[in-house]
């Protein structure tokens, strides 16, 4: 099941990227400033640069909001539940 979901997400990302990739540089091609291949190369490079920058920024956000320091140490039990099941008193 996980493989099917992964394939579906990959297909969606690919189709969305194919649709949106060229929008940022369409003016370069439409105005005749550059050729279709050069505009597509610009679109690909800027999308790649944005993706790599996103990875760097996301890593920083994960490090910042990893849970350490957000709450006092006595409250953070590293994955253990702080609640106990209620007894069923009849």
Protein backbone atom coordinates (compact mmCIF):
# COMPACT_ATOMS: atom_id res chain seq x y z
CA UNK A 1 0.00 0.00 0.00
CA UNK A 2 2.82 2.38 0.86
CA UNK A 3 4.36 1.79 -2.57
CA UNK A 4 1.10 2.70 -4.29
CA UNK A 5 0.79 5.90 -2.25
CA UNK A 6 4.42 6.77 -2.98
CA UNK A 7 3.90 6.22 -6.71
CA UNK A 8 0.75 8.35 -6.69
CA UNK A 9 2.52 11.19 -4.86
CA UNK A 10 5.47 10.94 -7.25
CA UNK A 11 3.15 11.12 -10.26
CA UNK A 12 1.30 14.11 -8.81
CA UNK A 13 4.55 15.93 -8.06
CA UNK A 14 5.85 15.24 -11.55
CA UNK A 15 2.69 16.44 -13.26
CA UNK A 16 2.49 19.54 -11.07
CA UNK A 17 6.13 20.34 -11.73
CA UNK A 18 5.70 19.86 -15.46
CA UNK A 19 2.81 22.31 -15.40
CA UNK A 20 4.37 24.93 -13.12
CA UNK A 21 8.02 24.68 -14.08
CA UNK A 22 7.82 26.90 -17.13
CA UNK A 23 5.48 29.57 -15.73
CA UNK A 24 8.32 31.51 -14.11
CA UNK A 25 10.24 31.95 -17.34
CA UNK A 26 7.40 31.98 -19.88
CA UNK A 27 7.89 35.72 -20.36
CA UNK A 28 11.48 35.16 -21.46
CA UNK A 29 10.32 32.85 -24.21
CA UNK A 30 7.13 34.74 -25.05
CA UNK A 31 8.93 38.05 -25.51
CA UNK A 32 11.56 36.47 -27.72
CA UNK A 33 14.36 37.23 -25.27
CA UNK A 34 15.55 33.63 -25.33
CA UNK A 35 14.89 30.36 -27.09
CA UNK A 36 12.56 27.66 -25.80
CA UNK A 37 15.43 25.39 -24.73
CA UNK A 38 17.25 28.16 -22.86
CA UNK A 39 14.05 29.20 -21.09
CA UNK A 40 13.41 25.59 -20.12
CA UNK A 41 16.98 25.32 -18.83
CA UNK A 42 16.46 28.47 -16.73
CA UNK A 43 13.23 27.03 -15.35
CA UNK A 44 14.91 23.74 -14.47
CA UNK A 45 17.91 25.37 -12.80
CA UNK A 46 15.86 27.82 -10.76
CA UNK A 47 13.49 25.05 -9.66
CA UNK A 48 16.46 22.91 -8.62
CA UNK A 49 18.01 25.83 -6.72
CA UNK A 50 14.70 26.45 -4.94
CA UNK A 51 14.40 22.79 -4.03
CA UNK A 52 17.91 22.67 -2.58
CA UNK A 53 17.33 25.88 -0.63
CA UNK A 54 14.12 24.43 0.74
CA UNK A 55 16.01 21.38 2.02
CA UNK A 56 18.50 23.62 3.83
CA UNK A 57 15.77 25.78 5.34
CA UNK A 58 13.69 22.74 6.35
CA UNK A 59 16.68 21.18 8.10
CA UNK A 60 17.12 24.41 10.06
CA UNK A 61 13.46 24.46 11.02
CA UNK A 62 13.57 20.85 12.18
CA UNK A 63 16.60 21.63 14.31
CA UNK A 64 14.95 24.73 15.77
CA UNK A 65 11.63 23.08 16.54
CA UNK A 66 12.88 19.64 17.55
CA UNK A 67 11.20 19.87 20.95
CA UNK A 68 14.23 20.64 23.05
CA UNK A 69 13.86 23.96 24.78
CA UNK A 70 10.23 24.52 23.82
CA UNK A 71 8.95 23.07 27.08
CA UNK A 72 10.69 22.54 30.41
CA UNK A 73 12.76 19.36 30.61
CA UNK A 74 10.53 17.77 33.23
CA UNK A 75 7.56 18.00 30.83
CA UNK A 76 9.34 16.46 27.86
CA UNK A 77 9.47 12.71 28.40
CA UNK A 78 10.92 11.83 24.99
CA UNK A 79 7.96 10.02 23.51
CA UNK A 80 6.49 8.55 26.67
CA UNK A 81 2.90 9.35 27.47
CA UNK A 82 2.25 11.57 30.46
CA UNK A 83 -1.28 10.30 30.96
CA UNK A 84 -2.28 7.13 32.71
CA UNK A 85 -5.28 5.07 31.75
CA UNK A 86 -8.25 5.67 34.00
CA UNK A 87 -9.41 2.82 36.13
CA UNK A 88 -12.89 1.63 35.41
CA UNK A 89 -14.49 2.08 38.81
CA UNK A 90 -18.03 0.70 38.75
